Amino acid sequence: MKTIPWEVGNLDGLFALILFIMFGPALLFLIIGFILRSKQKKKAAKIFFILAGVYLLISLGVCGGLAGVF
């Protein structure tokens, strides 16, 4: 049986990379926010919580659209 040259193989690694790009930085910002909140720096913690929310919202829109292709 001859394979078609434009046939794509296993894309599990690419899908894992997209998921990491989608949730990794938002999770990192959230952890930094909780660390700053425990050190009584509430204004800086609030900024990181907002950054985590905005990054998650944008990444779910952009990367979620790409993940829908799979």
C-alpha atoms as a PDB file:
ATOM      1  CA  MET A   1       0.000   0.000   0.000  1.00  0.00           C
ATOM      2  CA  LYS A   2       1.441   3.332  -1.028  1.00  0.00           C
ATOM      3  CA  THR A   3       1.149   6.296   1.344  1.00  0.00           C
ATOM      4  CA  ILE A   4       0.107   9.703   0.183  1.00  0.00           C
ATOM      5  CA  PRO A   5       2.997  12.189   0.650  1.00  0.00           C
ATOM      6  CA  TRP A   6       0.823  14.909   2.205  1.00  0.00           C
ATOM      7  CA  GLU A   7      -0.660  12.564   4.775  1.00  0.00           C
ATOM      8  CA  VAL A   8       0.033  13.780   8.321  1.00  0.00           C
ATOM      9  CA  GLY A   9       1.121  11.360  11.034  1.00  0.00           C
ATOM     10  CA  ASN A  10       0.682  11.617  14.784  1.00  0.00           C
ATOM     11  CA  LEU A  11      -0.032  15.155  16.043  1.00  0.00           C
ATOM     12  CA  ASP A  12      -0.162  14.439  19.788  1.00  0.00           C
ATOM     13  CA  GLY A  13       2.979  16.441  20.491  1.00  0.00           C
ATOM     14  CA  LEU A  14       1.670  19.461  18.623  1.00  0.00           C
ATOM     15  CA  PHE A  15      -1.634  19.269  20.468  1.00  0.00           C
ATOM     16  CA  ALA A  16       0.192  19.082  23.827  1.00  0.00           C
ATOM     17  CA  LEU A  17       2.272  22.126  22.845  1.00  0.00           C
ATOM     18  CA  ILE A  18      -0.852  24.108  21.977  1.00  0.00           C
ATOM     19  CA  LEU A  19      -2.414  23.169  25.325  1.00  0.00           C
ATOM     20  CA  PHE A  20       0.761  24.239  27.134  1.00  0.00           C
ATOM     21  CA  ILE A  21       0.765  27.582  25.308  1.00  0.00           C
ATOM     22  CA  MET A  22      -2.926  27.969  26.131  1.00  0.00           C
ATOM     23  CA  PHE A  23      -2.800  27.283  29.872  1.00  0.00           C
ATOM     24  CA  GLY A  24       0.888  27.515  30.874  1.00  0.00           C
ATOM     25  CA  PRO A  25       1.425  31.291  31.145  1.00  0.00           C
ATOM     26  CA  ALA A  26      -2.017  31.881  32.653  1.00  0.00           C
ATOM     27  CA  LEU A  27      -1.304  29.279  35.318  1.00  0.00           C
ATOM     28  CA  LEU A  28       2.124  30.819  35.955  1.00  0.00           C
ATOM     29  CA  PHE A  29       0.594  34.301  36.357  1.00  0.00           C
ATOM     30  CA  LEU A  30      -1.996  32.856  38.744  1.00  0.00           C
ATOM     31  CA  ILE A  31       0.674  31.197  40.901  1.00  0.00           C
ATOM     32  CA  ILE A  32       2.730  34.414  40.987  1.00  0.00           C
ATOM     33  CA  GLY A  33      -0.415  36.302  41.984  1.00  0.00           C
ATOM     34  CA  PHE A  34      -1.097  33.947  44.892  1.00  0.00           C
ATOM     35  CA  ILE A  35       2.540  34.207  46.044  1.00  0.00           C
ATOM     36  CA  LEU A  36       2.395  38.013  45.969  1.00  0.00           C
ATOM     37  CA  ARG A  37      -0.957  37.970  47.761  1.00  0.00           C
ATOM     38  CA  SER A  38       0.494  35.868  50.564  1.00  0.00           C
ATOM     39  CA  LYS A  39       3.312  38.429  50.921  1.00  0.00           C
ATOM     40  CA  GLN A  40       0.751  41.222  51.450  1.00  0.00           C
ATOM     41  CA  LYS A  41       1.370  42.883  48.062  1.00  0.00           C
ATOM     42  CA  LYS A  42      -2.288  43.015  47.103  1.00  0.00           C
ATOM     43  CA  LYS A  43      -2.001  45.557  44.279  1.00  0.00           C
ATOM     44  CA  ALA A  44       0.679  43.587  42.449  1.00  0.00           C
ATOM     45  CA  ALA A  45      -1.268  40.356  43.043  1.00  0.00           C
ATOM     46  CA  LYS A  46      -4.389  41.916  41.546  1.00  0.00           C
ATOM     47  CA  ILE A  47      -2.435  42.891  38.431  1.00  0.00           C
ATOM     48  CA  PHE A  48      -1.202  39.310  37.985  1.00  0.00           C
ATOM     49  CA  PHE A  49      -4.723  37.935  38.479  1.00  0.00           C
ATOM     50  CA  ILE A  50      -5.992  40.285  35.779  1.00  0.00           C
ATOM     51  CA  LEU A  51      -3.107  39.305  33.481  1.00  0.00           C
ATOM     52  CA  ALA A  52      -3.907  35.625  34.027  1.00  0.00           C
ATOM     53  CA  GLY A  53      -7.566  36.197  33.163  1.00  0.00           C
ATOM     54  CA  VAL A  54      -6.838  38.248  30.057  1.00  0.00           C
ATOM     55  CA  TYR A  55      -4.209  35.789  28.820  1.00  0.00           C
ATOM     56  CA  LEU A  56      -6.578  32.868  29.362  1.00  0.00           C
ATOM     57  CA  LEU A  57      -9.414  34.648  27.568  1.00  0.00           C
ATOM     58  CA  ILE A  58      -7.263  35.521  24.554  1.00  0.00           C
ATOM     59  CA  SER A  59      -5.529  32.143  24.391  1.00  0.00           C
ATOM     60  CA  LEU A  60      -8.813  30.249  24.535  1.00  0.00           C
ATOM     61  CA  GLY A  61      -9.974  32.320  21.599  1.00  0.00           C
ATOM     62  CA  VAL A  62      -6.863  32.036  19.430  1.00  0.00           C
ATOM     63  CA  CYS A  63      -5.444  28.653  20.413  1.00  0.00           C
ATOM     64  CA  GLY A  64      -8.903  27.246  20.976  1.00  0.00           C
ATOM     65  CA  GLY A  65      -9.681  28.053  17.368  1.00  0.00           C
ATOM     66  CA  LEU A  66      -6.528  26.232  16.319  1.00  0.00           C
ATOM     67  CA  ALA A  67      -7.332  23.264  18.568  1.00  0.00           C
ATOM     68  CA  GLY A  68     -10.733  23.017  16.924  1.00  0.00           C
ATOM     69  CA  VAL A  69      -8.968  22.099  13.713  1.00  0.00           C
ATOM     70  CA  PHE A  70      -7.687  18.877  15.255  1.00  0.00           C
END
